[in-house]
Structure formats: structure tokens, C-alpha cells
């Protein structure tokens, strides 16, 4: 019984530490969401358009009265073992009269 409890404790610890490492991985590489001061802000979902592998995906939503935002995902291309090309995400805000005040 003790062995089973010890194995369970080790498994829980491994999962907990694995989650921490994953968050650190994303934070260090700029892949996580940007922090929002005081968690304030508008938090509705965006419309997401998935493109085939090799192309950045696109998300769009209203970002204010009369304004729509578009953002693409960051694209990483492995040229060979030593060369990686990173194409940064793009964001654009355009006029859109369909976007009403929140």
C-alpha cells in the first residue's frame, strides 16, 4: 500500500512540475499571452480562421467602436538543423462600421 501511495505522489509531483516547465517554456519564448494589468479589458472570443500547415492562422474581432483587429500567428520555419526563420505575428486595426461600442 505504501508503494502505491509513493508512486501516486511521484506521479502528481511529475505532472505539477511538468506544467510549470511548460509555462516557463512558453513565457521565455514569447509564445504565451501578453500580461494584462489587473486582468482588466474586454475578453470576448475572436473568430479564428485556420490555414493549412505552413501558413499562419488568422483571428479577428471588434476591438472598439468602429474598429476591427486582425492578428496572425507567429510562423517558425526550420530551414535546416542550424537555421530557423521566425516570421513575427502581424496585427492590423481597420475601420469597420459594423463594430459597435461594447
PDB file of N, CA and C in Angstrom:
ATOM      1  N   UNK A   1       0.822  -1.199   0.000  1.00  0.00           N
ATOM      2  CA  UNK A   1       0.000   0.000   0.000  1.00  0.00           C
ATOM      3  C   UNK A   1       0.867   1.264   0.000  1.00  0.00           C
ATOM      4  N   UNK A   2       1.965   1.226   0.783  1.00  0.00           N
ATOM      5  CA  UNK A   2       2.860   2.387   0.818  1.00  0.00           C
ATOM      6  C   UNK A   2       3.474   2.649  -0.552  1.00  0.00           C
ATOM      7  N   UNK A   3       3.829   1.569  -1.246  1.00  0.00           N
ATOM      8  CA  UNK A   3       4.418   1.711  -2.576  1.00  0.00           C
ATOM      9  C   UNK A   3       3.455   2.380  -3.543  1.00  0.00           C
ATOM     10  N   UNK A   4       2.187   2.015  -3.451  1.00  0.00           N
ATOM     11  CA  UNK A   4       1.176   2.604  -4.312  1.00  0.00           C
ATOM     12  C   UNK A   4       1.008   4.089  -4.023  1.00  0.00           C
ATOM     13  N   UNK A   5       1.001   4.452  -2.736  1.00  0.00           N
ATOM     14  CA  UNK A   5       0.891   5.866  -2.351  1.00  0.00           C
ATOM     15  C   UNK A   5       2.109   6.652  -2.832  1.00  0.00           C
ATOM     16  N   UNK A   6       3.288   6.074  -2.676  1.00  0.00           N
ATOM     17  CA  UNK A   6       4.515   6.752  -3.111  1.00  0.00           C
ATOM     18  C   UNK A   6       4.505   6.964  -4.623  1.00  0.00           C
ATOM     19  N   UNK A   7       4.081   5.941  -5.353  1.00  0.00           N
ATOM     20  CA  UNK A   7       4.009   6.059  -6.811  1.00  0.00           C
ATOM     21  C   UNK A   7       3.009   7.136  -7.217  1.00  0.00           C
ATOM     22  N   UNK A   8       1.878   7.185  -6.526  1.00  0.00           N
ATOM     23  CA  UNK A   8       0.878   8.225  -6.809  1.00  0.00           C
ATOM     24  C   UNK A   8       1.425   9.608  -6.520  1.00  0.00           C
ATOM     25  N   UNK A   9       2.139   9.759  -5.412  1.00  0.00           N
ATOM     26  CA  UNK A   9       2.721  11.061  -5.062  1.00  0.00           C
ATOM     27  C   UNK A   9       3.754  11.496  -6.098  1.00  0.00           C
ATOM     28  N   UNK A  10       4.566  10.552  -6.563  1.00  0.00           N
ATOM     29  CA  UNK A  10       5.573  10.864  -7.583  1.00  0.00           C
ATOM     30  C   UNK A  10       4.882  11.285  -8.889  1.00  0.00           C
ATOM     31  N   UNK A  11       3.820  10.605  -9.258  1.00  0.00           N
ATOM     32  CA  UNK A  11       3.099  10.950 -10.489  1.00  0.00           C
ATOM     33  C   UNK A  11       2.494  12.344 -10.401  1.00  0.00           C
ATOM     34  N   UNK A  12       1.887  12.671  -9.266  1.00  0.00           N
ATOM     35  CA  UNK A  12       1.302  14.005  -9.079  1.00  0.00           C
ATOM     36  C   UNK A  12       2.384  15.066  -9.140  1.00  0.00           C
ATOM     37  N   UNK A  13       3.522  14.821  -8.489  1.00  0.00           N
ATOM     38  CA  UNK A  13       4.627  15.767  -8.497  1.00  0.00           C
ATOM     39  C   UNK A  13       5.174  15.961  -9.906  1.00  0.00           C
ATOM     40  N   UNK A  14       5.301  14.891 -10.652  1.00  0.00           N
ATOM     41  CA  UNK A  14       5.807  14.980 -12.028  1.00  0.00           C
ATOM     42  C   UNK A  14       4.860  15.800 -12.898  1.00  0.00           C
ATOM     43  N   UNK A  15       3.571  15.589 -12.752  1.00  0.00           N
ATOM     44  CA  UNK A  15       2.595  16.372 -13.517  1.00  0.00           C
ATOM     45  C   UNK A  15       2.650  17.848 -13.143  1.00  0.00           C
ATOM     46  N   UNK A  16       2.759  18.129 -11.858  1.00  0.00           N
ATOM     47  CA  UNK A  16       2.817  19.516 -11.402  1.00  0.00           C
ATOM     48  C   UNK A  16       4.062  20.212 -11.932  1.00  0.00           C
ATOM     49  N   UNK A  17       5.199  19.553 -11.845  1.00  0.00           N
ATOM     50  CA  UNK A  17       6.437  20.148 -12.325  1.00  0.00           C
ATOM     51  C   UNK A  17       6.448  20.258 -13.840  1.00  0.00           C
ATOM     52  N   UNK A  18       5.846  19.305 -14.516  1.00  0.00           N
ATOM     53  CA  UNK A  18       5.760  19.372 -15.971  1.00  0.00           C
ATOM     54  C   UNK A  18       4.945  20.559 -16.422  1.00  0.00           C
ATOM     55  N   UNK A  19       3.873  20.878 -15.712  1.00  0.00           N
ATOM     56  CA  UNK A  19       3.061  22.043 -16.037  1.00  0.00           C
ATOM     57  C   UNK A  19       3.826  23.333 -15.837  1.00  0.00           C
ATOM     58  N   UNK A  20       4.622  23.400 -14.793  1.00  0.00           N
ATOM     59  CA  UNK A  20       5.438  24.593 -14.546  1.00  0.00           C
ATOM     60  C   UNK A  20       6.463  24.779 -15.649  1.00  0.00           C
ATOM     61  N   UNK A  21       7.084  23.690 -16.045  1.00  0.00           N
ATOM     62  CA  UNK A  21       8.097  23.772 -17.097  1.00  0.00           C
ATOM     63  C   UNK A  21       7.460  24.225 -18.408  1.00  0.00           C
ATOM     64  N   UNK A  22       6.250  23.764 -18.695  1.00  0.00           N
ATOM     65  CA  UNK A  22       5.589  24.157 -19.927  1.00  0.00           C
ATOM     66  C   UNK A  22       5.296  25.649 -19.932  1.00  0.00           C
ATOM     67  N   UNK A  23       4.794  26.183 -18.819  1.00  0.00           N
ATOM     68  CA  UNK A  23       4.517  27.615 -18.752  1.00  0.00           C
ATOM     69  C   UNK A  23       5.802  28.406 -18.919  1.00  0.00           C
ATOM     70  N   UNK A  24       6.875  27.957 -18.280  1.00  0.00           N
ATOM     71  CA  UNK A  24       8.163  28.634 -18.412  1.00  0.00           C
ATOM     72  C   UNK A  24       8.629  28.595 -19.868  1.00  0.00           C
ATOM     73  N   UNK A  25       8.455  27.467 -20.530  1.00  0.00           N
ATOM     74  CA  UNK A  25       8.835  27.329 -21.935  1.00  0.00           C
ATOM     75  C   UNK A  25       8.131  28.384 -22.784  1.00  0.00           C
ATOM     76  N   UNK A  26       6.825  28.520 -22.590  1.00  0.00           N
ATOM     77  CA  UNK A  26       6.067  29.485 -23.382  1.00  0.00           C
ATOM     78  C   UNK A  26       6.414  30.918 -23.012  1.00  0.00           C
ATOM     79  N   UNK A  27       6.574  31.216 -21.744  1.00  0.00           N
ATOM     80  CA  UNK A  27       6.899  32.572 -21.321  1.00  0.00           C
ATOM     81  C   UNK A  27       8.255  33.019 -21.854  1.00  0.00           C
ATOM     82  N   UNK A  28       9.257  32.143 -21.794  1.00  0.00           N
ATOM     83  CA  UNK A  28      10.598  32.502 -22.242  1.00  0.00           C
ATOM     84  C   UNK A  28      10.650  32.763 -23.737  1.00  0.00           C
ATOM     85  N   UNK A  29       9.828  32.132 -24.484  1.00  0.00           N
ATOM     86  CA  UNK A  29       9.886  32.235 -25.938  1.00  0.00           C
ATOM     87  C   UNK A  29       8.843  33.177 -26.514  1.00  0.00           C
ATOM     88  N   UNK A  30       8.112  33.867 -25.658  1.00  0.00           N
ATOM     89  CA  UNK A  30       7.130  34.818 -26.142  1.00  0.00           C
ATOM     90  C   UNK A  30       5.925  34.183 -26.790  1.00  0.00           C
ATOM     91  N   UNK A  31       5.648  32.923 -26.448  1.00  0.00           N
ATOM     92  CA  UNK A  31       4.512  32.239 -27.048  1.00  0.00           C
ATOM     93  C   UNK A  31       3.259  32.327 -26.197  1.00  0.00           C
ATOM     94  N   UNK A  32       3.396  32.760 -24.960  1.00  0.00           N
ATOM     95  CA  UNK A  32       2.241  32.859 -24.073  1.00  0.00           C
ATOM     96  C   UNK A  32       1.521  34.188 -24.322  1.00  0.00           C
ATOM     97  N   UNK A  33       0.305  34.295 -23.811  1.00  0.00           N
ATOM     98  CA  UNK A  33      -0.415  35.556 -23.917  1.00  0.00           C
ATOM     99  C   UNK A  33       0.333  36.653 -23.186  1.00  0.00           C
ATOM    100  N   UNK A  34       0.229  37.859 -23.682  1.00  0.00           N
ATOM    101  CA  UNK A  34       0.836  39.003 -23.009  1.00  0.00           C
ATOM    102  C   UNK A  34       0.059  39.279 -21.725  1.00  0.00           C
ATOM    103  N   UNK A  35       0.761  39.707 -20.671  1.00  0.00           N
ATOM    104  CA  UNK A  35       0.066  40.006 -19.416  1.00  0.00           C
ATOM    105  C   UNK A  35      -0.843  41.222 -19.570  1.00  0.00           C
ATOM    106  N   UNK A  36      -1.936  41.224 -18.842  1.00  0.00           N
ATOM    107  CA  UNK A  36      -2.870  42.338 -18.842  1.00  0.00           C
ATOM    108  C   UNK A  36      -2.916  42.883 -17.421  1.00  0.00           C
ATOM    109  N   UNK A  37      -2.581  44.155 -17.259  1.00  0.00           N
ATOM    110  CA  UNK A  37      -2.537  44.766 -15.925  1.00  0.00           C
ATOM    111  C   UNK A  37      -3.886  44.639 -15.240  1.00  0.00           C
ATOM    112  N   UNK A  38      -3.887  44.052 -14.051  1.00  0.00           N
ATOM    113  CA  UNK A  38      -5.112  43.920 -13.271  1.00  0.00           C
ATOM    114  C   UNK A  38      -6.174  43.066 -13.924  1.00  0.00           C
ATOM    115  N   UNK A  39      -5.798  42.311 -14.946  1.00  0.00           N
ATOM    116  CA  UNK A  39      -6.737  41.471 -15.692  1.00  0.00           C
ATOM    117  C   UNK A  39      -7.939  42.271 -16.211  1.00  0.00           C
ATOM    118  N   UNK A  40      -7.719  43.567 -16.454  1.00  0.00           N
ATOM    119  CA  UNK A  40      -8.782  44.429 -16.967  1.00  0.00           C
ATOM    120  C   UNK A  40      -8.797  44.345 -18.485  1.00  0.00           C
ATOM    121  N   UNK A  41      -9.940  44.524 -19.061  1.00  0.00           N
ATOM    122  CA  UNK A  41     -10.029  44.550 -20.510  1.00  0.00           C
ATOM    123  C   UNK A  41     -11.168  43.706 -21.022  1.00  0.00           C
ATOM    124  N   UNK A  42     -11.434  43.859 -22.278  1.00  0.00           N
ATOM    125  CA  UNK A  42     -12.502  43.147 -22.956  1.00  0.00           C
ATOM    126  C   UNK A  42     -11.975  41.756 -23.315  1.00  0.00           C
ATOM    127  N   UNK A  43     -12.749  40.724 -23.042  1.00  0.00           N
ATOM    128  CA  UNK A  43     -12.231  39.366 -23.152  1.00  0.00           C
ATOM    129  C   UNK A  43     -13.126  38.439 -23.981  1.00  0.00           C
ATOM    130  N   UNK A  44     -13.842  38.977 -24.960  1.00  0.00           N
ATOM    131  CA  UNK A  44     -14.688  38.116 -25.781  1.00  0.00           C
ATOM    132  C   UNK A  44     -13.840  37.318 -26.765  1.00  0.00           C
ATOM    133  N   UNK A  45     -14.390  36.260 -27.260  1.00  0.00           N
ATOM    134  CA  UNK A  45     -13.669  35.394 -28.191  1.00  0.00           C
ATOM    135  C   UNK A  45     -13.518  36.061 -29.554  1.00  0.00           C
ATOM    136  N   UNK A  46     -12.494  35.658 -30.269  1.00  0.00           N
ATOM    137  CA  UNK A  46     -12.269  36.125 -31.635  1.00  0.00           C
ATOM    138  C   UNK A  46     -12.726  35.045 -32.607  1.00  0.00           C
ATOM    139  N   UNK A  47     -12.998  35.447 -33.839  1.00  0.00           N
ATOM    140  CA  UNK A  47     -13.239  34.474 -34.903  1.00  0.00           C
ATOM    141  C   UNK A  47     -11.871  34.022 -35.391  1.00  0.00           C
ATOM    142  N   UNK A  48     -11.665  32.718 -35.476  1.00  0.00           N
ATOM    143  CA  UNK A  48     -10.370  32.185 -35.884  1.00  0.00           C
ATOM    144  C   UNK A  48     -10.526  31.441 -37.200  1.00  0.00           C
ATOM    145  N   UNK A  49      -9.621  31.728 -38.117  1.00  0.00           N
ATOM    146  CA  UNK A  49      -9.594  31.062 -39.404  1.00  0.00           C
ATOM    147  C   UNK A  49      -8.292  30.279 -39.487  1.00  0.00           C
ATOM    148  N   UNK A  50      -8.409  28.960 -39.549  1.00  0.00           N
ATOM    149  CA  UNK A  50      -7.240  28.093 -39.620  1.00  0.00           C
ATOM    150  C   UNK A  50      -6.804  27.926 -41.068  1.00  0.00           C
ATOM    151  N   UNK A  51      -5.525  28.111 -41.291  1.00  0.00           N
ATOM    152  CA  UNK A  51      -4.949  27.899 -42.610  1.00  0.00           C
ATOM    153  C   UNK A  51      -4.173  26.591 -42.596  1.00  0.00           C
ATOM    154  N   UNK A  52      -3.879  26.026 -43.759  1.00  0.00           N
ATOM    155  CA  UNK A  52      -3.123  24.762 -43.806  1.00  0.00           C
ATOM    156  C   UNK A  52      -1.760  24.921 -43.133  1.00  0.00           C
ATOM    157  N   UNK A  53      -1.167  23.803 -42.746  1.00  0.00           N
ATOM    158  CA  UNK A  53       0.173  23.850 -42.164  1.00  0.00           C
ATOM    159  C   UNK A  53       1.105  24.605 -43.095  1.00  0.00           C
ATOM    160  N   UNK A  54       1.985  25.379 -42.516  1.00  0.00           N
ATOM    161  CA  UNK A  54       2.917  26.180 -43.308  1.00  0.00           C
ATOM    162  C   UNK A  54       2.445  27.613 -43.474  1.00  0.00           C
ATOM    163  N   UNK A  55       1.214  27.915 -43.039  1.00  0.00           N
ATOM    164  CA  UNK A  55       0.681  29.261 -43.125  1.00  0.00           C
ATOM    165  C   UNK A  55       0.193  29.683 -41.744  1.00  0.00           C
ATOM    166  N   UNK A  56       0.341  30.955 -41.410  1.00  0.00           N
ATOM    167  CA  UNK A  56      -0.146  31.452 -40.135  1.00  0.00           C
ATOM    168  C   UNK A  56      -1.662  31.488 -40.109  1.00  0.00           C
ATOM    169  N   UNK A  57      -2.256  31.202 -38.956  1.00  0.00           N
ATOM    170  CA  UNK A  57      -3.708  31.309 -38.793  1.00  0.00           C
ATOM    171  C   UNK A  57      -4.082  32.766 -38.596  1.00  0.00           C
ATOM    172  N   UNK A  58      -5.365  33.077 -38.715  1.00  0.00           N
ATOM    173  CA  UNK A  58      -5.852  34.445 -38.619  1.00  0.00           C
ATOM    174  C   UNK A  58      -6.971  34.515 -37.591  1.00  0.00           C
ATOM    175  N   UNK A  59      -6.924  35.543 -36.755  1.00  0.00           N
ATOM    176  CA  UNK A  59      -8.005  35.797 -35.801  1.00  0.00           C
ATOM    177  C   UNK A  59      -8.475  37.232 -36.000  1.00  0.00           C
ATOM    178  N   UNK A  60      -9.780  37.452 -35.816  1.00  0.00           N
ATOM    179  CA  UNK A  60     -10.328  38.793 -35.970  1.00  0.00           C
ATOM    180  C   UNK A  60     -11.451  39.008 -34.964  1.00  0.00           C
ATOM    181  N   UNK A  61     -11.611  40.253 -34.534  1.00  0.00           N
ATOM    182  CA  UNK A  61     -12.712  40.628 -33.657  1.00  0.00           C
ATOM    183  C   UNK A  61     -12.797  42.147 -33.598  1.00  0.00           C
ATOM    184  N   UNK A  62     -13.942  42.642 -33.146  1.00  0.00           N
ATOM    185  CA  UNK A  62     -14.093  44.071 -32.923  1.00  0.00           C
ATOM    186  C   UNK A  62     -13.254  44.455 -31.710  1.00  0.00           C
ATOM    187  N   UNK A  63     -12.536  45.559 -31.841  1.00  0.00           N
ATOM    188  CA  UNK A  63     -11.640  45.979 -30.758  1.00  0.00           C
ATOM    189  C   UNK A  63     -11.972  47.381 -30.258  1.00  0.00           C
ATOM    190  N   UNK A  64     -13.118  47.875 -30.630  1.00  0.00           N
ATOM    191  CA  UNK A  64     -13.565  49.194 -30.192  1.00  0.00           C
ATOM    192  C   UNK A  64     -14.653  49.681 -31.129  1.00  0.00           C
ATOM    193  N   UNK A  65     -15.221  50.807 -30.802  1.00  0.00           N
ATOM    194  CA  UNK A  65     -16.299  51.344 -31.641  1.00  0.00           C
ATOM    195  C   UNK A  65     -15.751  51.657 -33.028  1.00  0.00           C
ATOM    196  N   UNK A  66     -16.298  50.953 -34.022  1.00  0.00           N
ATOM    197  CA  UNK A  66     -15.914  51.186 -35.403  1.00  0.00           C
ATOM    198  C   UNK A  66     -14.543  50.643 -35.782  1.00  0.00           C
ATOM    199  N   UNK A  67     -13.958  49.781 -34.968  1.00  0.00           N
ATOM    200  CA  UNK A  67     -12.617  49.255 -35.252  1.00  0.00           C
ATOM    201  C   UNK A  67     -12.611  47.729 -35.171  1.00  0.00           C
ATOM    202  N   UNK A  68     -11.918  47.099 -36.096  1.00  0.00           N
ATOM    203  CA  UNK A  68     -11.755  45.643 -36.106  1.00  0.00           C
ATOM    204  C   UNK A  68     -10.269  45.344 -36.133  1.00  0.00           C
ATOM    205  N   UNK A  69      -9.862  44.347 -35.327  1.00  0.00           N
ATOM    206  CA  UNK A  69      -8.469  43.930 -35.293  1.00  0.00           C
ATOM    207  C   UNK A  69      -8.299  42.587 -35.968  1.00  0.00           C
ATOM    208  N   UNK A  70      -7.204  42.446 -36.664  1.00  0.00           N
ATOM    209  CA  UNK A  70      -6.819  41.190 -37.283  1.00  0.00           C
ATOM    210  C   UNK A  70      -5.424  40.848 -36.773  1.00  0.00           C
ATOM    211  N   UNK A  71      -5.184  39.587 -36.446  1.00  0.00           N
ATOM    212  CA  UNK A  71      -3.865  39.149 -35.997  1.00  0.00           C
ATOM    213  C   UNK A  71      -3.571  37.778 -36.585  1.00  0.00           C
ATOM    214  N   UNK A  72      -2.323  37.589 -36.966  1.00  0.00           N
ATOM    215  CA  UNK A  72      -1.883  36.289 -37.447  1.00  0.00           C
ATOM    216  C   UNK A  72      -1.003  35.628 -36.390  1.00  0.00           C
ATOM    217  N   UNK A  73      -0.883  34.331 -36.478  1.00  0.00           N
ATOM    218  CA  UNK A  73       0.009  33.624 -35.564  1.00  0.00           C
ATOM    219  C   UNK A  73       1.441  33.752 -36.061  1.00  0.00           C
ATOM    220  N   UNK A  74       2.366  33.589 -35.138  1.00  0.00           N
ATOM    221  CA  UNK A  74       3.778  33.600 -35.497  1.00  0.00           C
ATOM    222  C   UNK A  74       4.082  32.305 -36.231  1.00  0.00           C
ATOM    223  N   UNK A  75       4.932  32.384 -37.239  1.00  0.00           N
ATOM    224  CA  UNK A  75       5.281  31.228 -38.047  1.00  0.00           C
ATOM    225  C   UNK A  75       6.767  30.943 -37.884  1.00  0.00           C
ATOM    226  N   UNK A  76       7.107  29.702 -37.616  1.00  0.00           N
ATOM    227  CA  UNK A  76       8.501  29.295 -37.473  1.00  0.00           C
ATOM    228  C   UNK A  76       8.804  28.276 -38.559  1.00  0.00           C
ATOM    229  N   UNK A  77       9.855  28.544 -39.318  1.00  0.00           N
ATOM    230  CA  UNK A  77      10.234  27.647 -40.402  1.00  0.00           C
ATOM    231  C   UNK A  77      11.635  27.112 -40.138  1.00  0.00           C
ATOM    232  N   UNK A  78      11.772  25.817 -40.114  1.00  0.00           N
ATOM    233  CA  UNK A  78      13.070  25.171 -39.894  1.00  0.00           C
ATOM    234  C   UNK A  78      13.712  24.963 -41.260  1.00  0.00           C
ATOM    235  N   UNK A  79      14.767  25.733 -41.561  1.00  0.00           N
ATOM    236  CA  UNK A  79      15.468  25.592 -42.834  1.00  0.00           C
ATOM    237  C   UNK A  79      16.358  24.351 -42.830  1.00  0.00           C
ATOM    238  N   UNK A  80      17.146  24.199 -41.788  1.00  0.00           N
ATOM    239  CA  UNK A  80      17.970  23.011 -41.581  1.00  0.00           C
ATOM    240  C   UNK A  80      18.218  22.894 -40.081  1.00  0.00           C
ATOM    241  N   UNK A  81      19.128  22.038 -39.671  1.00  0.00           N
ATOM    242  CA  UNK A  81      19.338  21.829 -38.237  1.00  0.00           C
ATOM    243  C   UNK A  81      19.813  23.079 -37.519  1.00  0.00           C
ATOM    244  N   UNK A  82      20.532  23.947 -38.208  1.00  0.00           N
ATOM    245  CA  UNK A  82      21.129  25.121 -37.565  1.00  0.00           C
ATOM    246  C   UNK A  82      20.390  26.426 -37.845  1.00  0.00           C
ATOM    247  N   UNK A  83      19.502  26.450 -38.801  1.00  0.00           N
ATOM    248  CA  UNK A  83      18.864  27.710 -39.185  1.00  0.00           C
ATOM    249  C   UNK A  83      17.348  27.630 -39.026  1.00  0.00           C
ATOM    250  N   UNK A  84      16.832  28.555 -38.231  1.00  0.00           N
ATOM    251  CA  UNK A  84      15.394  28.662 -38.024  1.00  0.00           C
ATOM    252  C   UNK A  84      14.982  30.073 -38.406  1.00  0.00           C
ATOM    253  N   UNK A  85      13.957  30.197 -39.213  1.00  0.00           N
ATOM    254  CA  UNK A  85      13.442  31.502 -39.608  1.00  0.00           C
ATOM    255  C   UNK A  85      12.138  31.734 -38.862  1.00  0.00           C
ATOM    256  N   UNK A  86      12.055  32.843 -38.138  1.00  0.00           N
ATOM    257  CA  UNK A  86      10.851  33.190 -37.397  1.00  0.00           C
ATOM    258  C   UNK A  86      10.218  34.399 -38.062  1.00  0.00           C
ATOM    259  N   UNK A  87       9.003  34.231 -38.513  1.00  0.00           N
ATOM    260  CA  UNK A  87       8.255  35.331 -39.109  1.00  0.00           C
ATOM    261  C   UNK A  87       7.294  35.813 -38.028  1.00  0.00           C
ATOM    262  N   UNK A  88       7.434  37.066 -37.579  1.00  0.00           N
ATOM    263  CA  UNK A  88       6.622  37.527 -36.446  1.00  0.00           C
ATOM    264  C   UNK A  88       5.139  37.607 -36.792  1.00  0.00           C
ATOM    265  N   UNK A  89       4.338  37.554 -35.740  1.00  0.00           N
ATOM    266  CA  UNK A  89       2.897  37.732 -35.897  1.00  0.00           C
ATOM    267  C   UNK A  89       2.627  39.164 -36.351  1.00  0.00           C
ATOM    268  N   UNK A  90       1.584  39.326 -37.112  1.00  0.00           N
ATOM    269  CA  UNK A  90       1.191  40.656 -37.578  1.00  0.00           C
ATOM    270  C   UNK A  90      -0.153  41.015 -36.975  1.00  0.00           C
ATOM    271  N   UNK A  91      -0.338  42.281 -36.706  1.00  0.00           N
ATOM    272  CA  UNK A  91      -1.624  42.768 -36.210  1.00  0.00           C
ATOM    273  C   UNK A  91      -1.981  44.033 -36.976  1.00  0.00           C
ATOM    274  N   UNK A  92      -3.248  44.148 -37.334  1.00  0.00           N
ATOM    275  CA  UNK A  92      -3.738  45.298 -38.084  1.00  0.00           C
ATOM    276  C   UNK A  92      -5.087  45.692 -37.508  1.00  0.00           C
ATOM    277  N   UNK A  93      -5.325  46.995 -37.396  1.00  0.00           N
ATOM    278  CA  UNK A  93      -6.641  47.502 -36.977  1.00  0.00           C
ATOM    279  C   UNK A  93      -7.184  48.338 -38.130  1.00  0.00           C
ATOM    280  N   UNK A  94      -8.425  48.036 -38.526  1.00  0.00           N
ATOM    281  CA  UNK A  94      -9.051  48.725 -39.649  1.00  0.00           C
ATOM    282  C   UNK A  94     -10.417  49.256 -39.223  1.00  0.00           C
ATOM    283  N   UNK A  95     -10.911  50.230 -39.971  1.00  0.00           N
ATOM    284  CA  UNK A  95     -12.264  50.743 -39.725  1.00  0.00           C
ATOM    285  C   UNK A  95     -13.284  49.679 -40.099  1.00  0.00           C
ATOM    286  N   UNK A  96     -14.284  49.510 -39.258  1.00  0.00           N
ATOM    287  CA  UNK A  96     -15.372  48.573 -39.541  1.00  0.00           C
ATOM    288  C   UNK A  96     -16.632  49.111 -38.860  1.00  0.00           C
ATOM    289  N   UNK A  97     -17.542  49.729 -39.647  1.00  0.00           N
ATOM    290  CA  UNK A  97     -18.736  50.331 -39.058  1.00  0.00           C
ATOM    291  C   UNK A  97     -19.653  49.314 -38.383  1.00  0.00           C
ATOM    292  N   UNK A  98     -19.467  48.035 -38.667  1.00  0.00           N
ATOM    293  CA  UNK A  98     -20.294  47.001 -38.020  1.00  0.00           C
ATOM    294  C   UNK A  98     -19.929  46.802 -36.560  1.00  0.00           C
ATOM    295  N   UNK A  99     -18.760  47.263 -36.146  1.00  0.00           N
ATOM    296  CA  UNK A  99     -18.314  47.116 -34.768  1.00  0.00           C
ATOM    297  C   UNK A  99     -18.929  48.235 -33.917  1.00  0.00           C
ATOM    298  N   UNK A 100     -19.770  47.838 -32.986  1.00  0.00           N
ATOM    299  CA  UNK A 100     -20.442  48.805 -32.115  1.00  0.00           C
ATOM    300  C   UNK A 100     -19.702  48.922 -30.793  1.00  0.00           C
ATOM    301  N   UNK A 101     -20.032  49.937 -30.037  1.00  0.00           N
ATOM    302  CA  UNK A 101     -19.417  50.124 -28.719  1.00  0.00           C
ATOM    303  C   UNK A 101     -19.799  48.959 -27.807  1.00  0.00           C
ATOM    304  N   UNK A 102     -18.883  48.528 -26.949  1.00  0.00           N
ATOM    305  CA  UNK A 102     -19.191  47.386 -26.059  1.00  0.00           C
ATOM    306  C   UNK A 102     -20.275  47.690 -25.066  1.00  0.00           C
TER     307      UNK A 102
END
